[in-house]
Structure formats: structure tokens, C-alpha cells
């Protein structure tokens, strides 16, 4: 099988690249990235099946030409509010299946509009198969299997800001705290202020209990399409809560309300914040980590039910490994649905979670987030 990893030298996607490079069924793996030096360095360490190629995601013809002929394309070029639809359209023209890490709600809503065209072309495109959405989506699907009626699916994520780095992560964080974001409440999608309604949520250690907010991730957009629930919410937060406050303030004073403003703010943030973070880290001895949690409430028969799942690992692993596993399952013909969809629509939860657990992601159940989930 032939795989091309778009943005393959990035912090998240290179985890998927490294995992796929070790699979016998993958005969060719192209690491396509604007940063050709980083792509070549990564390829050199992964064996003869790997090579590097420079691409510009803003050049449609070049992108289509690069993607054509591969059995699957991995999407790791962020921020996704800029690139998810562009890449999906290129994959459609190239007639190449696509699996992405898309974690922006507006990008997910737009790419889902391609569903009919992609299905008619006989292609599968899975949007948002990383940490959140991705792991969260599959945990929601797993939990939903035990319910007759679901009142609420509450999805949340939390992390240490130092658990990864990069311009795309910064732009994504400020973007999801800006403007109004989708939530699914009482059977319909509504738009609510980003960064609103602070709530303490407990995650597995070492993230622990932190303050979370409504932010613009895709779960309230995709999950209600495939899982019948009255309410689907999404919250996120950082252990370093002052950075959430900074993102909320930047949005309030309109520093992030356009792509251009967000780009400029991201440059300033990336120049100033890392030294501050390193200074503060000298007072903390905790391991950096990322985590998620999915709470489902409803009924089975006449019995009320509440199922809680969680997951934890370093952000790069928690995000990149699901991308690799989804691509493998697609290449192994274990995903048959055609069109554009979230992972909860087409991936078997038990096999997916088993593969992630064997790769080092820790799963939990129960409100205390300490009991390990058998997967």
C-alpha cells in the first residue's frame, strides 16, 4: 500500500508516519511537507520505503498532483480552518481516500458538505481522527452502545500547554476561543460564545482537575449526525489557566477575529509565551500530559445510566497514533462506508481502542479517572 502524509513532518503527524513506517503492509510512505528539510530528516531515519516531498497546500494543482495515485492521504496540515477543505477537495479530484486530524468545528462543518460528492466518487474521507475529535468520538460511540436513550454526551479535553509546540497549535487555540462556537442542545445545533461557562472537570493525572470552557471543536457538529443524543457539548482547557484567560482576552479585544489578526497574534504569542512557560515550569515537577473525558447520561430500559470514559498520553501520541490506526483500518478494508464522515460513523470502537492501548495510550473509566478501562 502507498501512503502520503501531508504535513508529515509536523509534531502530531510524524507519530503516525513513524508508526506506519513499521507496518509490513505499507510499501511506500511519502512525507509531504512545506518544510522539506524536516521531511527529509524524518525520512532518512525511517528506512528505504520512506521519502520526502515538498508541497504547498495553497497550490491546488500541485497538491492534486502530489496526492494522485496513493491508497490513502493523511491530513496533518494545520490550522485546519485554513486547510481542511482545500486538502479534501484536492483528494476528491485526485480520487484518493483521506484521513485527517481536523480539530476545528467550522472546518468540520464545511468539509462535511462534500459528503455527497465524495460518496458518489466511491471514496472514504474521515475528518477529525486524532485526539479530540478522534479518541473522544470513538469513546462516545463505545459508550452509546449501552443506551436505549441518551440525554447528554459531554466531551472535554485538558492539557499542559508544554505538552507540544508549534505555530498551528497556537493558531488553533486562539481560533477556538474566538467568536461563537457550535454546541448541540435539546436536539438542535446552537451557537454560543467561545470561552463561556467555566466549569471544573476532572481528567486522569497528571492533568487532574482544571477549568474548562465551551470552545470550537467538531464533536458537537459530527457526533449528533451518527449518535442520537439530546445534547452534545464540548469543553476544553489548559492546566495553565492563565493562557486560557489570555486567549479569551485576545478574542474580547478583537485580536483574533480574522485569520490575519490571528496570524499576527500567534507570532507575538510564540515569541513571548515560551520563555514565560519555561520559567514557570521550573516551579513544577509534574509530567506534561494531555487527556480527554467523555460522560454519557441516559437510560437503558427503565434504568438510568451514567458512563464515563477517559484517556491520557502525551499530546503527540494521543493525536498521531489514532491517525495511523484509522489509516491502517482503511487500508485493511475494515472501513467500508463512503463519503465524508467523523470517525464515530465508521470505525469499530473495540478494535480501534485496543490498537491505541497497545501503542501506549492509557484509558480510564469512572468519575475519579483512576480506574483503567479494559480494552
Protein backbone atom coordinates (compact mmCIF):
# COMPACT_ATOMS: atom_id res chain seq x y z
CA UNK A 1 0.00 0.00 0.00
CA UNK A 2 1.12 3.56 -0.76
CA UNK A 3 0.60 6.34 1.79
CA UNK A 4 1.28 10.07 1.56
CA UNK A 5 1.40 12.05 4.82
CA UNK A 6 0.53 15.71 4.24
CA UNK A 7 2.25 17.81 6.86
CA UNK A 8 4.05 14.59 7.75
CA UNK A 9 6.99 16.28 9.45
CA UNK A 10 4.73 18.05 11.97
CA UNK A 11 4.79 17.16 15.64
CA UNK A 12 1.50 15.21 15.56
CA UNK A 13 1.59 13.65 12.11
CA UNK A 14 5.14 12.36 12.41
CA UNK A 15 3.92 9.98 15.13
CA UNK A 16 1.56 8.47 12.55
CA UNK A 17 4.39 8.41 9.99
CA UNK A 18 6.74 6.57 12.36
CA UNK A 19 4.04 4.05 13.24
CA UNK A 20 3.11 3.39 9.61
CA UNK A 21 6.75 3.06 8.59
CA UNK A 22 6.98 -0.06 10.74
CA UNK A 23 3.96 -1.78 9.17
CA UNK A 24 4.68 -4.50 6.60
CA UNK A 25 1.61 -3.66 4.55
CA UNK A 26 2.91 -0.15 3.84
CA UNK A 27 5.23 -0.41 0.85
CA UNK A 28 5.76 3.30 0.19
CA UNK A 29 5.43 6.26 2.52
CA UNK A 30 5.92 9.82 1.28
CA UNK A 31 6.39 12.56 3.86
CA UNK A 32 5.00 15.65 2.15
CA UNK A 33 5.65 18.93 3.91
CA UNK A 34 6.37 22.58 3.18
CA UNK A 35 9.42 22.21 5.46
CA UNK A 36 11.39 19.92 3.16
CA UNK A 37 14.41 19.86 5.47
CA UNK A 38 12.39 18.43 8.33
CA UNK A 39 10.66 15.96 5.98
CA UNK A 40 14.00 14.72 4.59
CA UNK A 41 15.48 14.35 8.07
CA UNK A 42 12.49 12.30 9.20
CA UNK A 43 12.55 10.12 6.07
CA UNK A 44 16.27 9.35 6.45
CA UNK A 45 15.66 7.74 9.81
CA UNK A 46 12.77 5.53 8.71
CA UNK A 47 14.22 3.28 6.01
CA UNK A 48 14.10 2.87 2.25
CA UNK A 49 10.30 2.82 1.97
CA UNK A 50 10.16 6.48 3.11
CA UNK A 51 10.88 9.56 1.04
CA UNK A 52 10.28 13.31 1.32
CA UNK A 53 8.49 15.74 -0.95
CA UNK A 54 7.95 19.47 -0.65
CA UNK A 55 4.36 20.65 -1.09
CA UNK A 56 2.48 23.92 -0.82
CA UNK A 57 -1.07 23.32 0.42
CA UNK A 58 -2.13 26.64 -1.10
CA UNK A 59 -1.24 25.38 -4.61
CA UNK A 60 -4.24 23.26 -5.62
CA UNK A 61 -2.76 21.80 -8.82
CA UNK A 62 0.49 20.88 -7.06
CA UNK A 63 -1.44 19.29 -4.21
CA UNK A 64 -3.64 17.19 -6.51
CA UNK A 65 -0.59 16.02 -8.46
CA UNK A 66 1.21 15.03 -5.25
CA UNK A 67 -1.77 13.09 -3.87
CA UNK A 68 -2.87 11.23 -7.01
CA UNK A 69 -2.13 7.50 -7.09
CA UNK A 70 -1.83 6.89 -3.36
CA UNK A 71 -4.04 4.45 -1.44
CA UNK A 72 -4.61 6.96 1.35
CA UNK A 73 -3.59 10.51 2.24
CA UNK A 74 -3.06 11.57 5.85
CA UNK A 75 -4.10 15.14 6.68
CA UNK A 76 -1.89 16.87 9.22
CA UNK A 77 -1.62 20.38 7.80
CA UNK A 78 -2.96 22.92 10.25
CA UNK A 79 -4.58 25.10 11.24
CA UNK A 80 -7.47 23.17 9.78
CA UNK A 81 -9.80 26.15 9.49
CA UNK A 82 -7.44 27.18 6.69
CA UNK A 83 -6.60 23.84 5.08
CA UNK A 84 -9.06 21.00 5.74
CA UNK A 85 -11.47 21.82 2.91
CA UNK A 86 -8.63 22.65 0.49
CA UNK A 87 -7.00 19.28 1.07
CA UNK A 88 -10.26 17.33 0.96
CA UNK A 89 -11.12 18.92 -2.40
CA UNK A 90 -7.67 18.01 -3.72
CA UNK A 91 -8.13 14.41 -2.55
CA UNK A 92 -11.53 14.30 -4.23
CA UNK A 93 -10.05 15.47 -7.52
CA UNK A 94 -7.16 13.01 -7.16
CA UNK A 95 -9.58 10.20 -6.23
CA UNK A 96 -7.59 9.42 -3.06
CA UNK A 97 -9.11 8.41 0.31
CA UNK A 98 -8.32 10.82 3.14
CA UNK A 99 -7.98 10.65 6.95
CA UNK A 100 -7.32 13.88 8.85
CA UNK A 101 -6.65 15.39 12.25
CA UNK A 102 -9.11 18.26 11.72
CA UNK A 103 -9.97 19.78 15.11
CA UNK A 104 -11.74 23.00 14.11
CA UNK A 105 -15.55 22.99 14.24
CA UNK A 106 -16.02 25.37 11.32
CA UNK A 107 -13.70 23.33 9.11
CA UNK A 108 -15.53 20.12 10.02
CA UNK A 109 -18.90 21.67 9.16
CA UNK A 110 -17.60 22.82 5.77
CA UNK A 111 -15.88 19.58 4.79
CA UNK A 112 -19.00 17.55 5.64
CA UNK A 113 -20.73 19.45 2.82
CA UNK A 114 -18.60 17.42 0.40
CA UNK A 115 -20.20 14.18 1.60
CA UNK A 116 -22.41 13.55 -1.44
CA UNK A 117 -19.67 14.28 -3.99
CA UNK A 118 -17.18 12.09 -2.14
CA UNK A 119 -19.67 9.23 -1.79
CA UNK A 120 -20.56 9.41 -5.48
CA UNK A 121 -16.84 9.17 -6.26
CA UNK A 122 -16.68 5.96 -4.19
CA UNK A 123 -14.23 7.46 -1.69
CA UNK A 124 -13.92 7.44 2.09
CA UNK A 125 -12.85 10.59 3.92
CA UNK A 126 -12.64 10.59 7.72
CA UNK A 127 -12.37 14.05 9.23
CA UNK A 128 -11.09 14.55 12.76
CA UNK A 129 -9.39 11.31 13.74
CA UNK A 130 -6.85 12.42 16.29
CA UNK A 131 -7.23 13.11 20.00
CA UNK A 132 -10.21 15.45 20.10
CA UNK A 133 -12.05 14.72 17.94
CA UNK A 134 -11.00 11.15 17.29
CA UNK A 135 -10.37 9.36 20.58
CA UNK A 136 -13.26 11.31 22.11
CA UNK A 137 -15.54 10.42 19.18
CA UNK A 138 -14.80 6.72 19.43
CA UNK A 139 -15.26 6.72 23.22
CA UNK A 140 -18.66 8.33 22.64
CA UNK A 141 -19.53 5.59 20.14
CA UNK A 142 -18.38 2.86 22.54
CA UNK A 143 -20.40 4.27 25.43
CA UNK A 144 -23.50 4.86 23.32
CA UNK A 145 -23.80 1.15 22.55
CA UNK A 146 -25.14 0.52 26.05
CA UNK A 147 -28.00 3.05 25.93
CA UNK A 148 -31.55 3.00 24.64
CA UNK A 149 -31.86 6.77 25.07
CA UNK A 150 -29.05 9.30 25.54
CA UNK A 151 -29.79 12.57 27.29
CA UNK A 152 -26.30 14.03 27.09
CA UNK A 153 -22.81 13.37 25.76
CA UNK A 154 -20.38 15.75 27.46
CA UNK A 155 -16.93 15.77 25.84
CA UNK A 156 -13.98 17.56 27.44
CA UNK A 157 -10.24 17.86 26.95
CA UNK A 158 -7.43 19.28 29.06
CA UNK A 159 -3.67 19.51 28.72
CA UNK A 160 -0.44 21.13 29.79
CA UNK A 161 0.49 23.80 27.27
CA UNK A 162 4.07 22.47 27.22
CA UNK A 163 2.93 19.03 26.04
CA UNK A 164 3.54 20.10 22.45
CA UNK A 165 4.58 23.16 20.47
CA UNK A 166 4.15 24.75 17.06
CA UNK A 167 2.51 27.63 15.24
CA UNK A 168 -0.55 25.62 14.17
CA UNK A 169 -1.32 24.65 17.77
CA UNK A 170 -1.21 28.30 18.85
CA UNK A 171 -3.44 29.46 15.98
CA UNK A 172 -5.88 26.64 16.70
CA UNK A 173 -6.08 27.53 20.40
CA UNK A 174 -6.77 31.20 19.80
CA UNK A 175 -9.22 30.38 17.00
CA UNK A 176 -11.37 28.07 19.13
CA UNK A 177 -11.64 30.72 21.86
CA UNK A 178 -12.89 33.34 19.37
CA UNK A 179 -16.43 34.31 18.40
CA UNK A 180 -19.36 31.90 18.68
CA UNK A 181 -18.91 28.13 18.53
CA UNK A 182 -21.36 25.26 17.93
CA UNK A 183 -22.98 23.22 20.66
CA UNK A 184 -25.83 20.71 20.33
CA UNK A 185 -28.52 21.29 22.91
CA UNK A 186 -32.07 19.96 23.24
CA UNK A 187 -31.98 18.35 19.82
CA UNK A 188 -30.59 21.21 17.75
CA UNK A 189 -27.33 22.96 16.98
CA UNK A 190 -26.91 26.34 18.66
CA UNK A 191 -24.10 28.89 18.59
CA UNK A 192 -22.73 30.00 21.96
CA UNK A 193 -19.88 32.33 22.97
CA UNK A 194 -16.45 30.71 22.86
CA UNK A 195 -14.72 30.70 26.22
CA UNK A 196 -18.03 30.85 28.10
CA UNK A 197 -19.46 28.94 31.07
CA UNK A 198 -16.31 27.92 33.01
CA UNK A 199 -16.61 24.51 34.63
CA UNK A 200 -14.19 22.36 36.61
CA UNK A 201 -13.64 18.91 35.07
CA UNK A 202 -11.52 16.05 36.42
CA UNK A 203 -9.16 14.31 34.00
CA UNK A 204 -6.67 11.49 34.54
CA UNK A 205 -3.45 12.54 36.26
CA UNK A 206 -1.18 14.35 35.77
CA UNK A 207 -3.69 16.74 34.16
CA UNK A 208 -6.08 16.44 37.11
CA UNK A 209 -8.96 18.83 37.74
CA UNK A 210 -8.90 22.04 35.68
CA UNK A 211 -11.27 24.74 34.47
CA UNK A 212 -12.74 24.15 31.02
CA UNK A 213 -14.80 26.31 28.64
CA UNK A 214 -17.01 25.91 25.61
CA UNK A 215 -14.63 26.00 22.61
CA UNK A 216 -14.83 25.34 18.89
CA UNK A 217 -14.07 21.64 18.41
CA UNK A 218 -16.01 19.43 15.96
CA UNK A 219 -17.68 16.93 18.33
CA UNK A 220 -20.99 18.84 18.62
CA UNK A 221 -21.02 19.05 14.82
CA UNK A 222 -20.28 15.42 13.98
CA UNK A 223 -21.49 13.26 16.88
CA UNK A 224 -25.21 14.15 16.56
CA UNK A 225 -25.09 13.08 12.90
CA UNK A 226 -24.33 9.49 13.89
CA UNK A 227 -25.36 9.07 17.55
CA UNK A 228 -28.85 10.04 18.67
CA UNK A 229 -28.49 12.25 21.75
CA UNK A 230 -30.47 15.16 23.13
CA UNK A 231 -27.36 17.22 23.97
CA UNK A 232 -23.70 17.08 22.90
CA UNK A 233 -21.28 19.58 24.43
CA UNK A 234 -17.55 20.20 24.07
CA UNK A 235 -15.27 21.88 26.58
CA UNK A 236 -11.55 22.44 26.70
CA UNK A 237 -8.97 23.97 28.98
CA UNK A 238 -5.31 24.21 29.91
CA UNK A 239 -3.62 23.33 33.18
CA UNK A 240 -2.01 26.77 32.81
CA UNK A 241 -5.33 28.55 33.17
CA UNK A 242 -3.83 32.00 32.66
CA UNK A 243 -3.28 31.12 29.00
CA UNK A 244 -7.00 30.41 28.58
CA UNK A 245 -7.65 33.82 30.08
CA UNK A 246 -5.16 35.33 27.63
CA UNK A 247 -6.95 33.68 24.69
CA UNK A 248 -10.32 34.90 25.97
CA UNK A 249 -8.95 38.44 26.39
CA UNK A 250 -7.40 38.42 22.91
CA UNK A 251 -10.77 37.45 21.43
CA UNK A 252 -12.62 40.03 23.51
CA UNK A 253 -10.45 42.89 22.27
CA UNK A 254 -10.66 41.51 18.70
CA UNK A 255 -7.01 40.49 18.27
CA UNK A 256 -8.03 37.10 16.81
CA UNK A 257 -11.27 37.84 14.95
CA UNK A 258 -9.79 37.44 11.44
CA UNK A 259 -7.23 34.99 10.04
CA UNK A 260 -4.75 37.86 9.55
CA UNK A 261 -5.15 39.14 13.10
CA UNK A 262 -4.87 35.62 14.47
CA UNK A 263 -1.66 35.06 12.48
CA UNK A 264 -0.12 38.24 13.91
CA UNK A 265 -1.22 37.42 17.46
CA UNK A 266 0.20 33.90 17.03
CA UNK A 267 3.60 35.30 16.07
CA UNK A 268 3.65 37.54 19.14
CA UNK A 269 2.45 34.72 21.39
CA UNK A 270 5.06 32.27 20.14
CA UNK A 271 7.80 34.85 20.72
CA UNK A 272 6.73 35.78 24.25
CA UNK A 273 4.97 32.81 25.85
CA UNK A 274 7.64 30.05 25.66
CA UNK A 275 10.13 31.89 27.94
CA UNK A 276 7.35 32.54 30.43
CA UNK A 277 6.27 28.90 30.29
CA UNK A 278 9.86 27.67 30.80
CA UNK A 279 10.23 29.97 33.81
CA UNK A 280 7.00 28.71 35.36
CA UNK A 281 7.98 25.10 34.63
CA UNK A 282 10.97 25.48 36.95
CA UNK A 283 8.46 25.53 39.83
CA UNK A 284 6.61 22.43 38.68
CA UNK A 285 7.82 18.85 38.68
CA UNK A 286 4.78 17.27 37.07
CA UNK A 287 4.98 15.41 33.79
CA UNK A 288 3.29 17.26 30.95
CA UNK A 289 0.31 15.37 29.58
CA UNK A 290 -2.92 15.66 27.59
CA UNK A 291 -6.22 13.99 28.43
CA UNK A 292 -9.85 13.75 27.47
CA UNK A 293 -13.09 12.68 29.07
CA UNK A 294 -16.49 11.62 27.73
CA UNK A 295 -19.57 11.48 30.01
CA UNK A 296 -22.76 9.85 28.72
CA UNK A 297 -26.08 10.08 30.58
CA UNK A 298 -29.33 8.38 29.67
CA UNK A 299 -31.33 5.21 30.06
CA UNK A 300 -31.28 1.53 29.21
CA UNK A 301 -34.81 0.23 29.59
CA UNK A 302 -36.12 1.75 32.81
CA UNK A 303 -32.67 2.13 34.34
CA UNK A 304 -30.79 5.45 34.44
CA UNK A 305 -27.19 5.16 33.30
CA UNK A 306 -24.05 7.27 33.50
CA UNK A 307 -20.94 6.05 31.69
CA UNK A 308 -17.63 7.92 31.93
CA UNK A 309 -14.53 7.22 29.86
CA UNK A 310 -11.19 8.98 29.71
CA UNK A 311 -7.80 8.75 28.01
CA UNK A 312 -4.34 10.20 28.61
CA UNK A 313 -0.92 10.33 26.96
CA UNK A 314 1.46 12.90 25.56
CA UNK A 315 -0.41 15.03 23.02
CA UNK A 316 1.67 13.95 20.03
CA UNK A 317 0.96 10.25 20.70
CA UNK A 318 -2.66 10.86 21.69
CA UNK A 319 -3.20 12.72 18.41
CA UNK A 320 -0.90 11.00 15.93
CA UNK A 321 -1.44 7.33 16.75
CA UNK A 322 -5.22 7.40 16.06
CA UNK A 323 -4.45 8.84 12.62
CA UNK A 324 -2.18 5.90 11.86
CA UNK A 325 -4.62 3.30 13.20
CA UNK A 326 -7.54 4.74 11.20
CA UNK A 327 -5.42 4.71 8.04
CA UNK A 328 -4.43 1.10 8.67
CA UNK A 329 -8.02 0.02 9.19
CA UNK A 330 -8.98 1.79 5.98
CA UNK A 331 -6.17 0.08 4.06
CA UNK A 332 -7.20 -3.26 5.58
CA UNK A 333 -10.76 -2.77 4.25
CA UNK A 334 -12.16 -2.62 7.77
CA UNK A 335 -13.92 0.64 6.94
CA UNK A 336 -16.42 0.37 4.10
CA UNK A 337 -18.58 3.50 4.31
CA UNK A 338 -18.23 6.06 1.54
CA UNK A 339 -18.45 9.84 1.84
CA UNK A 340 -17.15 12.36 4.37
CA UNK A 341 -17.73 11.41 7.99
CA UNK A 342 -16.47 11.58 11.54
CA UNK A 343 -14.66 8.51 12.90
CA UNK A 344 -17.62 7.63 15.12
CA UNK A 345 -19.59 6.84 11.96
CA UNK A 346 -17.36 4.13 10.56
CA UNK A 347 -14.70 2.78 12.95
CA UNK A 348 -15.20 -0.23 15.22
CA UNK A 349 -14.58 1.14 18.73
CA UNK A 350 -13.22 -2.00 20.36
CA UNK A 351 -10.56 -2.77 17.78
CA UNK A 352 -9.58 0.89 17.47
CA UNK A 353 -9.16 1.32 21.24
CA UNK A 354 -7.24 -1.96 21.56
CA UNK A 355 -4.73 -0.80 18.98
CA UNK A 356 -4.34 2.57 20.69
CA UNK A 357 -3.84 0.94 24.09
CA UNK A 358 -1.16 -1.36 22.68
CA UNK A 359 0.57 1.76 21.35
CA UNK A 360 0.75 3.39 24.78
CA UNK A 361 -2.45 5.41 25.24
CA UNK A 362 -3.99 4.90 28.69
CA UNK A 363 -7.77 4.53 29.03
CA UNK A 364 -9.86 5.08 32.15
CA UNK A 365 -13.44 4.77 33.36
CA UNK A 366 -15.40 6.23 36.26
CA UNK A 367 -15.65 9.76 37.64
CA UNK A 368 -12.39 9.53 39.59
CA UNK A 369 -10.45 8.93 36.37
CA UNK A 370 -8.16 6.45 38.13
CA UNK A 371 -9.58 3.02 37.22
CA UNK A 372 -8.13 1.64 34.00
CA UNK A 373 -10.54 0.65 31.27
CA UNK A 374 -10.08 -2.85 29.88
CA UNK A 375 -9.86 -2.54 26.08
